PDB file of all heavy atoms in Angstrom:
ATOM      1  N   GLU A   1      -3.260 -12.346 -12.981  1.00  0.00           N
ATOM      2  CA  GLU A   1      -2.825 -12.799 -11.636  1.00  0.00           C
ATOM      3  C   GLU A   1      -1.762 -12.002 -11.026  1.00  0.00           C
ATOM      4  O   GLU A   1      -1.827 -11.690  -9.794  1.00  0.00           O
ATOM      5  CB  GLU A   1      -2.304 -14.242 -11.812  1.00  0.00           C
ATOM      6  CG  GLU A   1      -3.331 -15.302 -12.122  1.00  0.00           C
ATOM      7  CD  GLU A   1      -2.746 -16.666 -12.319  1.00  0.00           C
ATOM      8  OE1 GLU A   1      -1.526 -16.928 -11.942  1.00  0.00           O
ATOM      9  OE2 GLU A   1      -3.421 -17.510 -12.911  1.00  0.00           O
ATOM     10  N   ARG A   2      -0.864 -11.548 -11.809  1.00  0.00           N
ATOM     11  CA  ARG A   2       0.252 -10.706 -11.258  1.00  0.00           C
ATOM     12  C   ARG A   2      -0.271  -9.355 -10.847  1.00  0.00           C
ATOM     13  O   ARG A   2       0.080  -8.838  -9.787  1.00  0.00           O
ATOM     14  CB  ARG A   2       1.344 -10.478 -12.346  1.00  0.00           C
ATOM     15  CG  ARG A   2       2.428  -9.633 -11.925  1.00  0.00           C
ATOM     16  CD  ARG A   2       3.243 -10.137 -10.709  1.00  0.00           C
ATOM     17  NE  ARG A   2       4.273  -9.198 -10.360  1.00  0.00           N
ATOM     18  CZ  ARG A   2       4.526  -8.888  -9.078  1.00  0.00           C
ATOM     19  NH1 ARG A   2       3.959  -9.506  -8.147  1.00  0.00           N
ATOM     20  NH2 ARG A   2       5.437  -7.981  -8.850  1.00  0.00           N
ATOM     21  N   THR A   3      -1.247  -8.822 -11.599  1.00  0.00           N
ATOM     22  CA  THR A   3      -1.821  -7.552 -11.230  1.00  0.00           C
ATOM     23  C   THR A   3      -2.633  -7.696  -9.936  1.00  0.00           C
ATOM     24  O   THR A   3      -2.612  -6.772  -9.066  1.00  0.00           O
ATOM     25  CB  THR A   3      -2.796  -7.053 -12.360  1.00  0.00           C
ATOM     26  OG1 THR A   3      -2.038  -6.971 -13.579  1.00  0.00           O
ATOM     27  CG2 THR A   3      -3.383  -5.692 -12.048  1.00  0.00           C
ATOM     28  N   VAL A   4      -3.340  -8.713  -9.768  1.00  0.00           N
ATOM     29  CA  VAL A   4      -4.114  -8.963  -8.502  1.00  0.00           C
ATOM     30  C   VAL A   4      -3.142  -9.074  -7.301  1.00  0.00           C
ATOM     31  O   VAL A   4      -3.353  -8.546  -6.281  1.00  0.00           O
ATOM     32  CB  VAL A   4      -5.012 -10.208  -8.580  1.00  0.00           C
ATOM     33  CG1 VAL A   4      -5.579 -10.599  -7.264  1.00  0.00           C
ATOM     34  CG2 VAL A   4      -6.114  -9.956  -9.567  1.00  0.00           C
ATOM     35  N   GLN A   5      -2.008  -9.769  -7.544  1.00  0.00           N
ATOM     36  CA  GLN A   5      -1.009  -9.863  -6.511  1.00  0.00           C
ATOM     37  C   GLN A   5      -0.437  -8.511  -6.150  1.00  0.00           C
ATOM     38  O   GLN A   5      -0.267  -8.178  -4.984  1.00  0.00           O
ATOM     39  CB  GLN A   5       0.137 -10.832  -6.975  1.00  0.00           C
ATOM     40  CG  GLN A   5       1.245 -11.006  -5.970  1.00  0.00           C
ATOM     41  CD  GLN A   5       2.380 -11.852  -6.502  1.00  0.00           C
ATOM     42  OE1 GLN A   5       2.309 -12.319  -7.642  1.00  0.00           O
ATOM     43  NE2 GLN A   5       3.373 -12.093  -5.693  1.00  0.00           N
ATOM     44  N   ILE A   6      -0.164  -7.674  -7.138  1.00  0.00           N
ATOM     45  CA  ILE A   6       0.331  -6.313  -6.915  1.00  0.00           C
ATOM     46  C   ILE A   6      -0.713  -5.534  -6.091  1.00  0.00           C
ATOM     47  O   ILE A   6      -0.305  -4.829  -5.148  1.00  0.00           O
ATOM     48  CB  ILE A   6       0.634  -5.578  -8.245  1.00  0.00           C
ATOM     49  CG1 ILE A   6       1.882  -6.235  -8.876  1.00  0.00           C
ATOM     50  CG2 ILE A   6       0.821  -4.100  -8.051  1.00  0.00           C
ATOM     51  CD1 ILE A   6       2.170  -5.766 -10.316  1.00  0.00           C
ATOM     52  N   LEU A   7      -1.977  -5.656  -6.433  1.00  0.00           N
ATOM     53  CA  LEU A   7      -3.000  -4.936  -5.710  1.00  0.00           C
ATOM     54  C   LEU A   7      -3.077  -5.385  -4.240  1.00  0.00           C
ATOM     55  O   LEU A   7      -3.138  -4.521  -3.331  1.00  0.00           O
ATOM     56  CB  LEU A   7      -4.364  -5.223  -6.323  1.00  0.00           C
ATOM     57  CG  LEU A   7      -4.733  -4.380  -7.556  1.00  0.00           C
ATOM     58  CD1 LEU A   7      -5.917  -4.962  -8.311  1.00  0.00           C
ATOM     59  CD2 LEU A   7      -4.930  -2.925  -7.214  1.00  0.00           C
ATOM     60  N   ARG A   8      -2.898  -6.679  -4.013  1.00  0.00           N
ATOM     61  CA  ARG A   8      -2.892  -7.146  -2.592  1.00  0.00           C
ATOM     62  C   ARG A   8      -1.733  -6.656  -1.853  1.00  0.00           C
ATOM     63  O   ARG A   8      -1.797  -6.208  -0.711  1.00  0.00           O
ATOM     64  CB  ARG A   8      -2.857  -8.716  -2.577  1.00  0.00           C
ATOM     65  CG  ARG A   8      -4.093  -9.344  -2.909  1.00  0.00           C
ATOM     66  CD  ARG A   8      -4.049 -10.829  -2.713  1.00  0.00           C
ATOM     67  NE  ARG A   8      -5.327 -11.436  -3.152  1.00  0.00           N
ATOM     68  CZ  ARG A   8      -5.440 -12.403  -4.016  1.00  0.00           C
ATOM     69  NH1 ARG A   8      -4.324 -12.918  -4.584  1.00  0.00           N
ATOM     70  NH2 ARG A   8      -6.616 -12.858  -4.356  1.00  0.00           N
ATOM     71  N   GLU A   9      -0.515  -6.686  -2.432  1.00  0.00           N
ATOM     72  CA  GLU A   9       0.699  -6.211  -1.790  1.00  0.00           C
ATOM     73  C   GLU A   9       0.578  -4.702  -1.476  1.00  0.00           C
ATOM     74  O   GLU A   9       0.951  -4.266  -0.382  1.00  0.00           O
ATOM     75  CB  GLU A   9       1.900  -6.494  -2.666  1.00  0.00           C
ATOM     76  CG  GLU A   9       2.279  -7.923  -2.773  1.00  0.00           C
ATOM     77  CD  GLU A   9       3.325  -8.239  -3.820  1.00  0.00           C
ATOM     78  OE1 GLU A   9       3.777  -7.260  -4.469  1.00  0.00           O
ATOM     79  OE2 GLU A   9       3.708  -9.371  -4.019  1.00  0.00           O
ATOM     80  N   ASN A  10       0.087  -3.912  -2.387  1.00  0.00           N
ATOM     81  CA  ASN A  10       0.006  -2.494  -2.201  1.00  0.00           C
ATOM     82  C   ASN A  10      -1.094  -2.193  -1.157  1.00  0.00           C
ATOM     83  O   ASN A  10      -0.958  -1.193  -0.393  1.00  0.00           O
ATOM     84  CB  ASN A  10      -0.297  -1.793  -3.480  1.00  0.00           C
ATOM     85  CG  ASN A  10       0.902  -1.796  -4.437  1.00  0.00           C
ATOM     86  OD1 ASN A  10       2.025  -1.861  -3.970  1.00  0.00           O
ATOM     87  ND2 ASN A  10       0.681  -1.635  -5.710  1.00  0.00           N
ATOM     88  N   ALA A  11      -2.167  -2.938  -1.121  1.00  0.00           N
ATOM     89  CA  ALA A  11      -3.219  -2.730  -0.085  1.00  0.00           C
ATOM     90  C   ALA A  11      -2.607  -2.964   1.284  1.00  0.00           C
ATOM     91  O   ALA A  11      -2.881  -2.224   2.238  1.00  0.00           O
ATOM     92  CB  ALA A  11      -4.405  -3.647  -0.326  1.00  0.00           C
ATOM     93  N   THR A  12      -1.800  -3.997   1.410  1.00  0.00           N
ATOM     94  CA  THR A  12      -1.160  -4.242   2.713  1.00  0.00           C
ATOM     95  C   THR A  12      -0.188  -3.144   3.063  1.00  0.00           C
ATOM     96  O   THR A  12      -0.100  -2.664   4.201  1.00  0.00           O
ATOM     97  CB  THR A  12      -0.391  -5.578   2.640  1.00  0.00           C
ATOM     98  OG1 THR A  12      -1.289  -6.636   2.279  1.00  0.00           O
ATOM     99  CG2 THR A  12       0.283  -5.915   3.982  1.00  0.00           C
ATOM    100  N   ALA A  13       0.586  -2.634   2.027  1.00  0.00           N
ATOM    101  CA  ALA A  13       1.512  -1.537   2.308  1.00  0.00           C
ATOM    102  C   ALA A  13       0.788  -0.246   2.691  1.00  0.00           C
ATOM    103  O   ALA A  13       1.303   0.501   3.531  1.00  0.00           O
ATOM    104  CB  ALA A  13       2.323  -1.303   1.044  1.00  0.00           C
ATOM    105  N   VAL A  14      -0.373  -0.021   2.149  1.00  0.00           N
ATOM    106  CA  VAL A  14      -1.164   1.191   2.506  1.00  0.00           C
ATOM    107  C   VAL A  14      -1.557   1.067   3.928  1.00  0.00           C
ATOM    108  O   VAL A  14      -1.418   2.079   4.703  1.00  0.00           O
ATOM    109  CB  VAL A  14      -2.384   1.330   1.597  1.00  0.00           C
ATOM    110  CG1 VAL A  14      -3.403   2.325   2.216  1.00  0.00           C
ATOM    111  CG2 VAL A  14      -2.002   1.802   0.198  1.00  0.00           C
ATOM    112  N   SER A  15      -2.063  -0.061   4.339  1.00  0.00           N
ATOM    113  CA  SER A  15      -2.470  -0.234   5.761  1.00  0.00           C
ATOM    114  C   SER A  15      -1.307  -0.033   6.703  1.00  0.00           C
ATOM    115  O   SER A  15      -1.440   0.668   7.707  1.00  0.00           O
ATOM    116  CB  SER A  15      -3.029  -1.649   5.901  1.00  0.00           C
ATOM    117  OG  SER A  15      -3.448  -1.844   7.195  1.00  0.00           O
ATOM    118  N   HIS A  16      -0.147  -0.624   6.362  1.00  0.00           N
ATOM    119  CA  HIS A  16       1.029  -0.477   7.218  1.00  0.00           C
ATOM    120  C   HIS A  16       1.497   0.961   7.287  1.00  0.00           C
ATOM    121  O   HIS A  16       1.803   1.495   8.343  1.00  0.00           O
ATOM    122  CB  HIS A  16       2.104  -1.418   6.758  1.00  0.00           C
ATOM    123  CG  HIS A  16       3.388  -1.289   7.508  1.00  0.00           C
ATOM    124  ND1 HIS A  16       3.505  -1.663   8.826  1.00  0.00           N
ATOM    125  CD2 HIS A  16       4.606  -0.735   7.207  1.00  0.00           C
ATOM    126  CE1 HIS A  16       4.721  -1.389   9.304  1.00  0.00           C
ATOM    127  NE2 HIS A  16       5.424  -0.845   8.285  1.00  0.00           N
ATOM    128  N   SER A  17       1.609   1.631   6.127  1.00  0.00           N
ATOM    129  CA  SER A  17       2.079   2.963   6.085  1.00  0.00           C
ATOM    130  C   SER A  17       1.161   3.956   6.797  1.00  0.00           C
ATOM    131  O   SER A  17       1.601   4.895   7.438  1.00  0.00           O
ATOM    132  CB  SER A  17       2.325   3.411   4.604  1.00  0.00           C
ATOM    133  OG  SER A  17       3.297   2.616   4.032  1.00  0.00           O
ATOM    134  N   ALA A  18      -0.161   3.705   6.607  1.00  0.00           N
ATOM    135  CA  ALA A  18      -1.089   4.609   7.306  1.00  0.00           C
ATOM    136  C   ALA A  18      -1.047   4.396   8.817  1.00  0.00           C
ATOM    137  O   ALA A  18      -1.190   5.409   9.539  1.00  0.00           O
ATOM    138  CB  ALA A  18      -2.509   4.321   6.845  1.00  0.00           C
ATOM    139  N   ASP A  19      -0.730   3.214   9.265  1.00  0.00           N
ATOM    140  CA  ASP A  19      -0.667   2.885  10.699  1.00  0.00           C
ATOM    141  C   ASP A  19       0.480   3.712  11.339  1.00  0.00           C
ATOM    142  O   ASP A  19       0.396   4.019  12.516  1.00  0.00           O
ATOM    143  CB  ASP A  19      -0.477   1.407  10.885  1.00  0.00           C
ATOM    144  CG  ASP A  19      -0.679   0.973  12.326  1.00  0.00           C
ATOM    145  OD1 ASP A  19      -1.494   1.618  13.002  1.00  0.00           O
ATOM    146  OD2 ASP A  19      -0.043   0.025  12.762  1.00  0.00           O
ATOM    147  N   ILE A  20       1.544   3.970  10.607  1.00  0.00           N
ATOM    148  CA  ILE A  20       2.655   4.699  11.148  1.00  0.00           C
ATOM    149  C   ILE A  20       2.768   6.090  10.581  1.00  0.00           C
ATOM    150  O   ILE A  20       3.798   6.759  10.670  1.00  0.00           O
ATOM    151  CB  ILE A  20       4.009   3.932  10.935  1.00  0.00           C
ATOM    152  CG1 ILE A  20       4.251   3.667   9.449  1.00  0.00           C
ATOM    153  CG2 ILE A  20       3.992   2.618  11.709  1.00  0.00           C
ATOM    154  CD1 ILE A  20       5.596   3.029   9.153  1.00  0.00           C
ATOM    155  N   TYR A  21       1.669   6.583   9.982  1.00  0.00           N
ATOM    156  CA  TYR A  21       1.562   7.943   9.555  1.00  0.00           C
ATOM    157  C   TYR A  21       2.587   8.339   8.489  1.00  0.00           C
ATOM    158  O   TYR A  21       3.116   9.457   8.482  1.00  0.00           O
ATOM    159  CB  TYR A  21       1.548   8.911  10.689  1.00  0.00           C
ATOM    160  CG  TYR A  21       0.430   8.699  11.682  1.00  0.00           C
ATOM    161  CD1 TYR A  21       0.707   8.030  12.863  1.00  0.00           C
ATOM    162  CD2 TYR A  21      -0.852   9.117  11.400  1.00  0.00           C
ATOM    163  CE1 TYR A  21      -0.402   7.779  13.752  1.00  0.00           C
ATOM    164  CE2 TYR A  21      -1.903   8.912  12.260  1.00  0.00           C
ATOM    165  CZ  TYR A  21      -1.653   8.232  13.456  1.00  0.00           C
ATOM    166  OH  TYR A  21      -2.675   7.998  14.310  1.00  0.00           O
ATOM    167  N   GLN A  22       2.923   7.450   7.573  1.00  0.00           N
ATOM    168  CA  GLN A  22       3.805   7.780   6.470  1.00  0.00           C
ATOM    169  C   GLN A  22       3.011   8.135   5.222  1.00  0.00           C
ATOM    170  O   GLN A  22       2.793   7.347   4.355  1.00  0.00           O
ATOM    171  CB  GLN A  22       4.715   6.531   6.195  1.00  0.00           C
ATOM    172  CG  GLN A  22       5.637   6.162   7.327  1.00  0.00           C
ATOM    173  CD  GLN A  22       6.709   7.194   7.473  1.00  0.00           C
ATOM    174  OE1 GLN A  22       7.261   7.729   6.523  1.00  0.00           O
ATOM    175  NE2 GLN A  22       7.023   7.487   8.720  1.00  0.00           N
ATOM    176  N   TRP A  23       2.598   9.404   5.208  1.00  0.00           N
ATOM    177  CA  TRP A  23       1.626   9.825   4.116  1.00  0.00           C
ATOM    178  C   TRP A  23       2.269   9.795   2.801  1.00  0.00           C
ATOM    179  O   TRP A  23       1.527   9.612   1.781  1.00  0.00           O
ATOM    180  CB  TRP A  23       1.065  11.207   4.526  1.00  0.00           C
ATOM    181  CG  TRP A  23       0.222  11.038   5.785  1.00  0.00           C
ATOM    182  CD1 TRP A  23       0.587  11.581   6.981  1.00  0.00           C
ATOM    183  CD2 TRP A  23      -0.912  10.268   6.004  1.00  0.00           C
ATOM    184  NE1 TRP A  23      -0.305  11.210   7.897  1.00  0.00           N
ATOM    185  CE2 TRP A  23      -1.324  10.441   7.334  1.00  0.00           C
ATOM    186  CE3 TRP A  23      -1.689   9.490   5.171  1.00  0.00           C
ATOM    187  CZ2 TRP A  23      -2.380   9.777   7.884  1.00  0.00           C
ATOM    188  CZ3 TRP A  23      -2.812   8.843   5.698  1.00  0.00           C
ATOM    189  CH2 TRP A  23      -3.149   9.002   7.030  1.00  0.00           C
ATOM    190  N   ASP A  24       3.533  10.102   2.631  1.00  0.00           N
ATOM    191  CA  ASP A  24       4.169   9.968   1.313  1.00  0.00           C
ATOM    192  C   ASP A  24       4.091   8.551   0.771  1.00  0.00           C
ATOM    193  O   ASP A  24       3.778   8.324  -0.424  1.00  0.00           O
ATOM    194  CB  ASP A  24       5.565  10.452   1.361  1.00  0.00           C
ATOM    195  CG  ASP A  24       5.752  11.951   1.546  1.00  0.00           C
ATOM    196  OD1 ASP A  24       4.761  12.677   1.210  1.00  0.00           O
ATOM    197  OD2 ASP A  24       6.817  12.419   1.978  1.00  0.00           O
ATOM    198  N   ARG A  25       4.336   7.628   1.650  1.00  0.00           N
ATOM    199  CA  ARG A  25       4.235   6.194   1.212  1.00  0.00           C
ATOM    200  C   ARG A  25       2.834   5.799   0.880  1.00  0.00           C
ATOM    201  O   ARG A  25       2.513   5.087  -0.067  1.00  0.00           O
ATOM    202  CB  ARG A  25       4.750   5.266   2.319  1.00  0.00           C
ATOM    203  CG  ARG A  25       6.249   5.285   2.472  1.00  0.00           C
ATOM    204  CD  ARG A  25       6.679   4.288   3.499  1.00  0.00           C
ATOM    205  NE  ARG A  25       8.051   4.480   3.865  1.00  0.00           N
ATOM    206  CZ  ARG A  25       8.639   3.894   4.808  1.00  0.00           C
ATOM    207  NH1 ARG A  25       7.962   3.049   5.615  1.00  0.00           N
ATOM    208  NH2 ARG A  25       9.940   4.081   5.075  1.00  0.00           N
ATOM    209  N   VAL A  26       1.841   6.329   1.697  1.00  0.00           N
ATOM    210  CA  VAL A  26       0.421   6.008   1.449  1.00  0.00           C
ATOM    211  C   VAL A  26       0.070   6.523   0.056  1.00  0.00           C
ATOM    212  O   VAL A  26      -0.558   5.832  -0.731  1.00  0.00           O
ATOM    213  CB  VAL A  26      -0.407   6.656   2.563  1.00  0.00           C
ATOM    214  CG1 VAL A  26      -1.929   6.643   2.133  1.00  0.00           C
ATOM    215  CG2 VAL A  26      -0.237   5.933   3.867  1.00  0.00           C
ATOM    216  N   ASN A  27       0.469   7.799  -0.245  1.00  0.00           N
ATOM    217  CA  ASN A  27       0.112   8.379  -1.537  1.00  0.00           C
ATOM    218  C   ASN A  27       0.706   7.561  -2.650  1.00  0.00           C
ATOM    219  O   ASN A  27       0.057   7.308  -3.698  1.00  0.00           O
ATOM    220  CB  ASN A  27       0.596   9.797  -1.602  1.00  0.00           C
ATOM    221  CG  ASN A  27      -0.211  10.714  -0.750  1.00  0.00           C
ATOM    222  OD1 ASN A  27      -1.392  10.528  -0.485  1.00  0.00           O
ATOM    223  ND2 ASN A  27       0.405  11.796  -0.247  1.00  0.00           N
ATOM    224  N   THR A  28       2.001   7.136  -2.539  1.00  0.00           N
ATOM    225  CA  THR A  28       2.594   6.345  -3.573  1.00  0.00           C
ATOM    226  C   THR A  28       1.909   5.023  -3.781  1.00  0.00           C
ATOM    227  O   THR A  28       1.647   4.591  -4.915  1.00  0.00           O
ATOM    228  CB  THR A  28       4.077   6.051  -3.165  1.00  0.00           C
ATOM    229  OG1 THR A  28       4.758   7.332  -3.049  1.00  0.00           O
ATOM    230  CG2 THR A  28       4.774   5.251  -4.261  1.00  0.00           C
ATOM    231  N   GLU A  29       1.595   4.365  -2.661  1.00  0.00           N
ATOM    232  CA  GLU A  29       0.915   3.045  -2.764  1.00  0.00           C
ATOM    233  C   GLU A  29      -0.523   3.150  -3.332  1.00  0.00           C
ATOM    234  O   GLU A  29      -0.917   2.293  -4.175  1.00  0.00           O
ATOM    235  CB  GLU A  29       0.855   2.320  -1.419  1.00  0.00           C
ATOM    236  CG  GLU A  29       2.191   2.035  -0.845  1.00  0.00           C
ATOM    237  CD  GLU A  29       3.067   1.111  -1.765  1.00  0.00           C
ATOM    238  OE1 GLU A  29       2.529   0.277  -2.507  1.00  0.00           O
ATOM    239  OE2 GLU A  29       4.321   1.229  -1.664  1.00  0.00           O
ATOM    240  N   VAL A  30      -1.218   4.177  -2.983  1.00  0.00           N
ATOM    241  CA  VAL A  30      -2.572   4.368  -3.555  1.00  0.00           C
ATOM    242  C   VAL A  30      -2.484   4.661  -5.020  1.00  0.00           C
ATOM    243  O   VAL A  30      -3.307   4.109  -5.827  1.00  0.00           O
ATOM    244  CB  VAL A  30      -3.371   5.446  -2.761  1.00  0.00           C
ATOM    245  CG1 VAL A  30      -4.688   5.779  -3.455  1.00  0.00           C
ATOM    246  CG2 VAL A  30      -3.624   5.035  -1.349  1.00  0.00           C
TER     247      VAL A  30
END
């Protein structure tokens, strides 16, 4: 359950970071 929650949070962070062109953050989250 915790792992699925982490996946959801990181997927949201990828979307947000990509939207503002923060590629270092995108790479970290992926």
